[in-house]
Amino acid sequence: MIIAVGASTFLSIAGQPAKKEATQPTAVSPAKKAEKPAAVQPAVNTLTDAEKKEGWVLLFDGKSLEHFKGFKSDAVPTTWNVDGDAVHATGGGADLVTKDQYQDFEFSCEWKLAPGGNSGIIYRSTEDGNATYETGPEFQVLDNNAHKDAKPVNKAGAMYDFFPAAKDMTKPAGEWNTARIVVKGTKVEHWWNGEKVVDADIGTEAFKKAVQATKFKDWKGFAVQPKGHIALQDHGDQVWYRNIKVRVIK
């Protein structure tokens, strides 16, 4: 007897139950190897618990410029504003200066430039001169790939006009770079994208002699101040800074 059920056909012989067609066993996929979870990156403009224990102070939280002022002014220059998660200089104004002054310290931030841009981080700067750079050395911030100033002592990471960066760690314009400055006594280190690129002593006779061979010789207070402000330079070009923090070295 032939019994039709749906689209399948079975044969029943002498009252025996019909046999179902054999089915193929389902292949079982081997277990996937457990993947190592990606490292969690700290949120922008925040401090980790470890940094807090080390004494770091956040100078920009992504919202307020309360830790900053203008050069010889209590007001923040109008050309500096908060743009997304960064401090942005639109160009053509005064430098942005920390309200506090620092003697021995470690400073860290991220920076990026518009194509061909120029800026700088000036430290131990006082308000005795007519500009921040008249008293403080500078960590040069520059688009090495497009800016016309090709002298090594004037490129990114250098102590401007004195010590070139030992290694070019340039990232293209529009990408974030990291800067770290360590100052203790007369010893100064510049770190750029994780590499130490300047290791100098600004208290030596050789450095003092080098000053006399530059435009800085006319500014008697240059690089002799024991403490001062940290300034983000407005050189007329668009520049962005974020993750700005400082730690006093005791």
C-alpha atoms as a PDB file:
ATOM      1  CA  MET A   1       0.000   0.000   0.000  1.00  0.00           C
ATOM      2  CA  ILE A   2       1.245   3.438  -0.849  1.00  0.00           C
ATOM      3  CA  ILE A   3       0.576   6.174   1.663  1.00  0.00           C
ATOM      4  CA  ALA A   4       1.248   9.748   0.605  1.00  0.00           C
ATOM      5  CA  VAL A   5       1.927  12.299   3.297  1.00  0.00           C
ATOM      6  CA  GLY A   6       2.573  15.778   2.095  1.00  0.00           C
ATOM      7  CA  ALA A   7       5.462  15.751  -0.338  1.00  0.00           C
ATOM      8  CA  SER A   8       6.964  12.510   1.071  1.00  0.00           C
ATOM      9  CA  THR A   9       5.982   8.973  -0.015  1.00  0.00           C
ATOM     10  CA  PHE A  10       6.346   5.907   2.206  1.00  0.00           C
ATOM     11  CA  LEU A  11       5.770   2.180   1.451  1.00  0.00           C
ATOM     12  CA  SER A  12       3.789   0.038   3.969  1.00  0.00           C
ATOM     13  CA  ILE A  13       4.067  -3.735   3.497  1.00  0.00           C
ATOM     14  CA  ALA A  14       1.729  -6.203   5.224  1.00  0.00           C
ATOM     15  CA  GLY A  15       0.701  -3.739   7.897  1.00  0.00           C
ATOM     16  CA  GLN A  16       4.253  -2.939   8.859  1.00  0.00           C
ATOM     17  CA  PRO A  17       4.864   0.704   9.667  1.00  0.00           C
ATOM     18  CA  ALA A  18       6.408   2.708   6.908  1.00  0.00           C
ATOM     19  CA  LYS A  19      10.114   3.506   7.262  1.00  0.00           C
ATOM     20  CA  LYS A  20      11.213   7.126   7.151  1.00  0.00           C
ATOM     21  CA  GLU A  21      14.003   8.155   4.822  1.00  0.00           C
ATOM     22  CA  ALA A  22      17.427   8.406   6.518  1.00  0.00           C
ATOM     23  CA  THR A  23      18.544  11.903   7.330  1.00  0.00           C
ATOM     24  CA  GLN A  24      22.120  13.217   7.259  1.00  0.00           C
ATOM     25  CA  PRO A  25      23.616  14.185  10.643  1.00  0.00           C
ATOM     26  CA  THR A  26      24.075  17.884  11.180  1.00  0.00           C
ATOM     27  CA  ALA A  27      27.692  19.012  11.139  1.00  0.00           C
ATOM     28  CA  VAL A  28      28.819  20.529  14.405  1.00  0.00           C
ATOM     29  CA  SER A  29      31.095  23.573  14.109  1.00  0.00           C
ATOM     30  CA  PRO A  30      34.229  23.415  16.235  1.00  0.00           C
ATOM     31  CA  ALA A  31      34.214  25.778  19.176  1.00  0.00           C
ATOM     32  CA  LYS A  32      35.699  29.178  18.339  1.00  0.00           C
ATOM     33  CA  LYS A  33      38.887  30.135  20.073  1.00  0.00           C
ATOM     34  CA  ALA A  34      38.181  32.671  22.770  1.00  0.00           C
ATOM     35  CA  GLU A  35      39.253  36.137  21.628  1.00  0.00           C
ATOM     36  CA  LYS A  36      41.262  38.366  23.939  1.00  0.00           C
ATOM     37  CA  PRO A  37      39.200  41.436  24.793  1.00  0.00           C
ATOM     38  CA  ALA A  38      40.548  44.698  23.400  1.00  0.00           C
ATOM     39  CA  ALA A  39      42.218  47.039  25.860  1.00  0.00           C
ATOM     40  CA  VAL A  40      39.862  49.712  27.087  1.00  0.00           C
ATOM     41  CA  GLN A  41      41.086  53.168  26.134  1.00  0.00           C
ATOM     42  CA  PRO A  42      40.564  55.937  28.710  1.00  0.00           C
ATOM     43  CA  ALA A  43      37.914  58.458  27.760  1.00  0.00           C
ATOM     44  CA  VAL A  44      39.177  61.673  26.226  1.00  0.00           C
ATOM     45  CA  ASN A  45      39.838  64.537  28.657  1.00  0.00           C
ATOM     46  CA  THR A  46      39.719  62.366  31.766  1.00  0.00           C
ATOM     47  CA  LEU A  47      42.222  61.031  34.275  1.00  0.00           C
ATOM     48  CA  THR A  48      42.626  57.373  35.153  1.00  0.00           C
ATOM     49  CA  ASP A  49      42.706  56.301  38.791  1.00  0.00           C
ATOM     50  CA  ALA A  50      46.433  55.678  38.429  1.00  0.00           C
ATOM     51  CA  GLU A  51      47.018  59.196  37.110  1.00  0.00           C
ATOM     52  CA  LYS A  52      45.069  60.694  39.975  1.00  0.00           C
ATOM     53  CA  LYS A  53      47.239  58.798  42.471  1.00  0.00           C
ATOM     54  CA  GLU A  54      50.348  60.095  40.672  1.00  0.00           C
ATOM     55  CA  GLY A  55      49.180  63.674  41.165  1.00  0.00           C
ATOM     56  CA  TRP A  56      48.056  64.577  37.661  1.00  0.00           C
ATOM     57  CA  VAL A  57      45.687  67.531  37.313  1.00  0.00           C
ATOM     58  CA  LEU A  58      43.332  67.775  34.336  1.00  0.00           C
ATOM     59  CA  LEU A  59      43.535  71.252  32.780  1.00  0.00           C
ATOM     60  CA  PHE A  60      40.738  70.724  30.250  1.00  0.00           C
ATOM     61  CA  ASP A  61      37.660  68.566  30.804  1.00  0.00           C
ATOM     62  CA  GLY A  62      36.237  69.003  27.300  1.00  0.00           C
ATOM     63  CA  LYS A  63      33.855  71.742  28.404  1.00  0.00           C
ATOM     64  CA  SER A  64      35.491  74.509  30.401  1.00  0.00           C
ATOM     65  CA  LEU A  65      38.592  76.690  29.996  1.00  0.00           C
ATOM     66  CA  GLU A  66      38.555  77.626  33.675  1.00  0.00           C
ATOM     67  CA  HIS A  67      42.249  76.748  34.111  1.00  0.00           C
ATOM     68  CA  PHE A  68      43.325  79.161  31.374  1.00  0.00           C
ATOM     69  CA  LYS A  69      43.516  82.872  30.634  1.00  0.00           C
ATOM     70  CA  GLY A  70      45.103  85.157  28.083  1.00  0.00           C
ATOM     71  CA  PHE A  71      48.651  86.499  28.111  1.00  0.00           C
ATOM     72  CA  LYS A  72      48.615  89.514  30.458  1.00  0.00           C
ATOM     73  CA  SER A  73      44.844  89.168  30.652  1.00  0.00           C
ATOM     74  CA  ASP A  74      42.417  87.426  32.977  1.00  0.00           C
ATOM     75  CA  ALA A  75      40.064  86.704  30.061  1.00  0.00           C
ATOM     76  CA  VAL A  76      40.346  83.791  27.632  1.00  0.00           C
ATOM     77  CA  PRO A  77      41.184  85.147  24.146  1.00  0.00           C
ATOM     78  CA  THR A  78      38.162  85.182  21.841  1.00  0.00           C
ATOM     79  CA  THR A  79      40.036  83.177  19.191  1.00  0.00           C
ATOM     80  CA  TRP A  80      40.182  80.154  21.507  1.00  0.00           C
ATOM     81  CA  ASN A  81      37.051  78.039  21.969  1.00  0.00           C
ATOM     82  CA  VAL A  82      35.839  74.544  22.777  1.00  0.00           C
ATOM     83  CA  ASP A  83      35.360  72.581  19.556  1.00  0.00           C
ATOM     84  CA  GLY A  84      33.972  69.103  20.171  1.00  0.00           C
ATOM     85  CA  ASP A  85      36.375  67.460  22.603  1.00  0.00           C
ATOM     86  CA  ALA A  86      39.240  69.902  21.993  1.00  0.00           C
ATOM     87  CA  VAL A  87      40.470  73.428  22.619  1.00  0.00           C
ATOM     88  CA  HIS A  88      40.610  75.127  19.215  1.00  0.00           C
ATOM     89  CA  ALA A  89      42.549  78.216  18.126  1.00  0.00           C
ATOM     90  CA  THR A  90      40.956  79.763  15.063  1.00  0.00           C
ATOM     91  CA  GLY A  91      44.029  81.955  14.533  1.00  0.00           C
ATOM     92  CA  GLY A  92      45.004  85.566  14.880  1.00  0.00           C
ATOM     93  CA  GLY A  93      44.688  86.068  18.619  1.00  0.00           C
ATOM     94  CA  ALA A  94      46.702  85.823  21.819  1.00  0.00           C
ATOM     95  CA  ASP A  95      48.227  82.728  23.381  1.00  0.00           C
ATOM     96  CA  LEU A  96      46.230  80.620  25.838  1.00  0.00           C
ATOM     97  CA  VAL A  97      48.055  80.557  29.188  1.00  0.00           C
ATOM     98  CA  THR A  98      47.601  78.470  32.338  1.00  0.00           C
ATOM     99  CA  LYS A  99      46.475  80.471  35.349  1.00  0.00           C
ATOM    100  CA  ASP A 100      48.930  78.585  37.555  1.00  0.00           C
ATOM    101  CA  GLN A 101      52.703  78.626  37.268  1.00  0.00           C
ATOM    102  CA  TYR A 102      54.918  75.551  37.410  1.00  0.00           C
ATOM    103  CA  GLN A 103      58.541  74.977  38.385  1.00  0.00           C
ATOM    104  CA  ASP A 104      59.349  71.259  38.145  1.00  0.00           C
ATOM    105  CA  PHE A 105      56.594  69.433  36.308  1.00  0.00           C
ATOM    106  CA  GLU A 106      55.440  66.943  33.725  1.00  0.00           C
ATOM    107  CA  PHE A 107      52.987  68.192  31.096  1.00  0.00           C
ATOM    108  CA  SER A 108      51.085  66.089  28.589  1.00  0.00           C
ATOM    109  CA  CYS A 109      48.591  66.766  25.811  1.00  0.00           C
ATOM    110  CA  GLU A 110      47.481  65.796  22.320  1.00  0.00           C
ATOM    111  CA  TRP A 111      47.628  68.214  19.390  1.00  0.00           C
ATOM    112  CA  LYS A 112      46.681  68.370  15.737  1.00  0.00           C
ATOM    113  CA  LEU A 113      47.042  71.038  13.078  1.00  0.00           C
ATOM    114  CA  ALA A 114      45.394  72.231   9.906  1.00  0.00           C
ATOM    115  CA  PRO A 115      47.618  71.619   6.830  1.00  0.00           C
ATOM    116  CA  GLY A 116      50.746  73.781   6.965  1.00  0.00           C
ATOM    117  CA  GLY A 117      49.998  74.836  10.537  1.00  0.00           C
ATOM    118  CA  ASN A 118      52.339  76.173  13.190  1.00  0.00           C
ATOM    119  CA  SER A 119      51.928  76.441  16.967  1.00  0.00           C
ATOM    120  CA  GLY A 120      53.900  75.623  20.092  1.00  0.00           C
ATOM    121  CA  ILE A 121      53.835  74.768  23.786  1.00  0.00           C
ATOM    122  CA  ILE A 122      55.825  77.337  25.757  1.00  0.00           C
ATOM    123  CA  TYR A 123      56.773  76.628  29.369  1.00  0.00           C
ATOM    124  CA  ARG A 124      58.186  78.478  32.379  1.00  0.00           C
ATOM    125  CA  SER A 125      56.913  81.584  30.671  1.00  0.00           C
ATOM    126  CA  THR A 126      56.301  84.789  32.627  1.00  0.00           C
ATOM    127  CA  GLU A 127      54.472  87.963  31.698  1.00  0.00           C
ATOM    128  CA  ASP A 128      57.568  90.158  31.959  1.00  0.00           C
ATOM    129  CA  GLY A 129      58.100  90.303  28.196  1.00  0.00           C
ATOM    130  CA  ASN A 130      55.884  91.234  25.271  1.00  0.00           C
ATOM    131  CA  ALA A 131      55.128  87.622  24.287  1.00  0.00           C
ATOM    132  CA  THR A 132      55.169  84.220  25.967  1.00  0.00           C
ATOM    133  CA  TYR A 133      58.169  83.056  23.921  1.00  0.00           C
ATOM    134  CA  GLU A 134      60.363  85.913  25.190  1.00  0.00           C
ATOM    135  CA  THR A 135      60.812  84.135  28.521  1.00  0.00           C
ATOM    136  CA  GLY A 136      59.981  80.453  27.968  1.00  0.00           C
ATOM    137  CA  PRO A 137      61.462  77.656  25.822  1.00  0.00           C
ATOM    138  CA  GLU A 138      59.123  76.104  23.278  1.00  0.00           C
ATOM    139  CA  PHE A 139      58.099  72.607  22.243  1.00  0.00           C
ATOM    140  CA  GLN A 140      57.565  73.233  18.544  1.00  0.00           C
ATOM    141  CA  VAL A 141      54.213  72.157  17.072  1.00  0.00           C
ATOM    142  CA  LEU A 142      54.385  72.108  13.269  1.00  0.00           C
ATOM    143  CA  ASP A 143      53.138  70.348  10.159  1.00  0.00           C
ATOM    144  CA  ASN A 144      56.556  69.096   9.050  1.00  0.00           C
ATOM    145  CA  ASN A 145      55.182  67.837   5.744  1.00  0.00           C
ATOM    146  CA  ALA A 146      53.813  71.138   4.500  1.00  0.00           C
ATOM    147  CA  HIS A 147      55.334  74.023   6.434  1.00  0.00           C
ATOM    148  CA  LYS A 148      58.074  76.009   4.686  1.00  0.00           C
ATOM    149  CA  ASP A 149      60.248  76.290   7.817  1.00  0.00           C
ATOM    150  CA  ALA A 150      62.495  73.322   7.077  1.00  0.00           C
ATOM    151  CA  LYS A 151      65.352  73.896   9.546  1.00  0.00           C
ATOM    152  CA  PRO A 152      65.594  70.904  11.932  1.00  0.00           C
ATOM    153  CA  VAL A 153      65.662  73.165  15.034  1.00  0.00           C
ATOM    154  CA  ASN A 154      62.330  74.657  13.932  1.00  0.00           C
ATOM    155  CA  LYS A 155      60.486  71.417  13.193  1.00  0.00           C
ATOM    156  CA  ALA A 156      57.942  69.634  15.383  1.00  0.00           C
ATOM    157  CA  GLY A 157      59.200  68.247  18.675  1.00  0.00           C
ATOM    158  CA  ALA A 158      62.271  70.496  18.723  1.00  0.00           C
ATOM    159  CA  MET A 159      63.134  72.964  21.451  1.00  0.00           C
ATOM    160  CA  TYR A 160      62.546  75.807  19.048  1.00  0.00           C
ATOM    161  CA  ASP A 161      65.758  77.306  17.641  1.00  0.00           C
ATOM    162  CA  PHE A 162      68.034  75.211  19.898  1.00  0.00           C
ATOM    163  CA  PHE A 163      67.660  71.420  19.856  1.00  0.00           C
ATOM    164  CA  PRO A 164      66.147  69.488  16.930  1.00  0.00           C
ATOM    165  CA  ALA A 165      63.999  66.433  17.521  1.00  0.00           C
ATOM    166  CA  ALA A 166      66.215  63.333  17.474  1.00  0.00           C
ATOM    167  CA  LYS A 167      63.561  61.494  15.490  1.00  0.00           C
ATOM    168  CA  ASP A 168      60.776  62.662  13.174  1.00  0.00           C
ATOM    169  CA  MET A 169      57.525  61.254  14.554  1.00  0.00           C
ATOM    170  CA  THR A 170      55.313  63.275  12.200  1.00  0.00           C
ATOM    171  CA  LYS A 171      51.708  62.301  11.676  1.00  0.00           C
ATOM    172  CA  PRO A 172      49.764  63.867   8.780  1.00  0.00           C
ATOM    173  CA  ALA A 173      47.935  67.136   9.343  1.00  0.00           C
ATOM    174  CA  GLY A 174      44.565  66.497  10.954  1.00  0.00           C
ATOM    175  CA  GLU A 175      45.778  63.494  12.974  1.00  0.00           C
ATOM    176  CA  TRP A 176      46.432  63.595  16.721  1.00  0.00           C
ATOM    177  CA  ASN A 177      49.989  63.717  18.052  1.00  0.00           C
ATOM    178  CA  THR A 178      51.021  63.408  21.688  1.00  0.00           C
ATOM    179  CA  ALA A 179      53.401  65.798  23.414  1.00  0.00           C
ATOM    180  CA  ARG A 180      55.020  65.300  26.796  1.00  0.00           C
ATOM    181  CA  ILE A 181      57.352  67.788  28.449  1.00  0.00           C
ATOM    182  CA  VAL A 182      59.354  66.973  31.578  1.00  0.00           C
ATOM    183  CA  VAL A 183      61.136  69.837  33.352  1.00  0.00           C
ATOM    184  CA  LYS A 184      63.190  69.387  36.512  1.00  0.00           C
ATOM    185  CA  GLY A 185      65.724  72.018  37.513  1.00  0.00           C
ATOM    186  CA  THR A 186      67.590  72.885  34.322  1.00  0.00           C
ATOM    187  CA  LYS A 187      66.948  69.474  32.719  1.00  0.00           C
ATOM    188  CA  VAL A 188      64.322  69.353  29.975  1.00  0.00           C
ATOM    189  CA  GLU A 189      62.891  66.426  28.023  1.00  0.00           C
ATOM    190  CA  HIS A 190      60.569  66.551  25.012  1.00  0.00           C
ATOM    191  CA  TRP A 191      58.605  63.399  24.183  1.00  0.00           C
ATOM    192  CA  TRP A 192      56.709  63.121  20.902  1.00  0.00           C
ATOM    193  CA  ASN A 193      54.327  60.264  20.105  1.00  0.00           C
ATOM    194  CA  GLY A 194      55.994  58.098  22.745  1.00  0.00           C
ATOM    195  CA  GLU A 195      59.623  58.808  21.783  1.00  0.00           C
ATOM    196  CA  LYS A 196      62.057  61.027  23.672  1.00  0.00           C
ATOM    197  CA  VAL A 197      63.272  63.477  21.036  1.00  0.00           C
ATOM    198  CA  VAL A 198      65.008  66.173  23.136  1.00  0.00           C
ATOM    199  CA  ASP A 199      67.138  65.716  26.256  1.00  0.00           C
ATOM    200  CA  ALA A 200      68.756  69.019  27.196  1.00  0.00           C
ATOM    201  CA  ASP A 201      70.221  71.051  30.028  1.00  0.00           C
ATOM    202  CA  ILE A 202      69.370  74.738  29.732  1.00  0.00           C
ATOM    203  CA  GLY A 203      71.656  75.654  32.612  1.00  0.00           C
ATOM    204  CA  THR A 204      74.911  74.901  30.836  1.00  0.00           C
ATOM    205  CA  GLU A 205      77.336  77.483  29.467  1.00  0.00           C
ATOM    206  CA  ALA A 206      76.947  75.872  26.050  1.00  0.00           C
ATOM    207  CA  PHE A 207      73.218  76.619  26.071  1.00  0.00           C
ATOM    208  CA  LYS A 208      73.754  80.173  27.279  1.00  0.00           C
ATOM    209  CA  LYS A 209      76.241  80.669  24.445  1.00  0.00           C
ATOM    210  CA  ALA A 210      73.731  79.238  21.965  1.00  0.00           C
ATOM    211  CA  VAL A 211      71.136  81.766  23.136  1.00  0.00           C
ATOM    212  CA  GLN A 212      73.520  84.576  22.218  1.00  0.00           C
ATOM    213  CA  ALA A 213      73.575  83.337  18.620  1.00  0.00           C
ATOM    214  CA  THR A 214      69.794  83.673  18.208  1.00  0.00           C
ATOM    215  CA  LYS A 215      67.104  86.340  18.363  1.00  0.00           C
ATOM    216  CA  PHE A 216      66.541  85.337  21.993  1.00  0.00           C
ATOM    217  CA  LYS A 217      69.712  87.180  23.036  1.00  0.00           C
ATOM    218  CA  ASP A 218      67.688  90.408  23.111  1.00  0.00           C
ATOM    219  CA  TRP A 219      65.315  89.035  25.759  1.00  0.00           C
ATOM    220  CA  LYS A 220      67.224  88.946  29.033  1.00  0.00           C
ATOM    221  CA  GLY A 221      64.608  86.863  30.806  1.00  0.00           C
ATOM    222  CA  PHE A 222      64.646  83.996  28.321  1.00  0.00           C
ATOM    223  CA  ALA A 223      64.976  80.493  29.828  1.00  0.00           C
ATOM    224  CA  VAL A 224      66.259  81.751  33.190  1.00  0.00           C
ATOM    225  CA  GLN A 225      62.966  81.856  35.072  1.00  0.00           C
ATOM    226  CA  PRO A 226      62.726  79.147  37.789  1.00  0.00           C
ATOM    227  CA  LYS A 227      58.965  78.833  37.242  1.00  0.00           C
ATOM    228  CA  GLY A 228      56.263  80.111  34.950  1.00  0.00           C
ATOM    229  CA  HIS A 229      53.070  79.552  33.005  1.00  0.00           C
ATOM    230  CA  ILE A 230      52.505  76.964  30.286  1.00  0.00           C
ATOM    231  CA  ALA A 231      51.214  78.582  27.102  1.00  0.00           C
ATOM    232  CA  LEU A 232      49.526  77.175  23.993  1.00  0.00           C
ATOM    233  CA  GLN A 233      50.627  79.381  21.150  1.00  0.00           C
ATOM    234  CA  ASP A 234      48.330  81.070  18.661  1.00  0.00           C
ATOM    235  CA  HIS A 235      50.632  81.497  15.656  1.00  0.00           C
ATOM    236  CA  GLY A 236      47.814  82.487  13.324  1.00  0.00           C
ATOM    237  CA  ASP A 237      47.013  78.929  12.196  1.00  0.00           C
ATOM    238  CA  GLN A 238      44.287  76.542  13.271  1.00  0.00           C
ATOM    239  CA  VAL A 239      45.382  74.142  15.992  1.00  0.00           C
ATOM    240  CA  TRP A 240      43.555  71.826  18.398  1.00  0.00           C
ATOM    241  CA  TYR A 241      44.628  70.561  21.840  1.00  0.00           C
ATOM    242  CA  ARG A 242      43.019  67.979  24.125  1.00  0.00           C
ATOM    243  CA  ASN A 243      43.877  65.625  27.035  1.00  0.00           C
ATOM    244  CA  ILE A 244      45.742  68.535  28.586  1.00  0.00           C
ATOM    245  CA  LYS A 245      47.155  67.644  31.997  1.00  0.00           C
ATOM    246  CA  VAL A 246      50.041  68.483  34.310  1.00  0.00           C
ATOM    247  CA  ARG A 247      51.778  66.900  37.292  1.00  0.00           C
ATOM    248  CA  VAL A 248      54.013  68.757  39.722  1.00  0.00           C
ATOM    249  CA  ILE A 249      57.315  66.990  40.363  1.00  0.00           C
ATOM    250  CA  LYS A 250      58.315  67.243  44.037  1.00  0.00           C
END
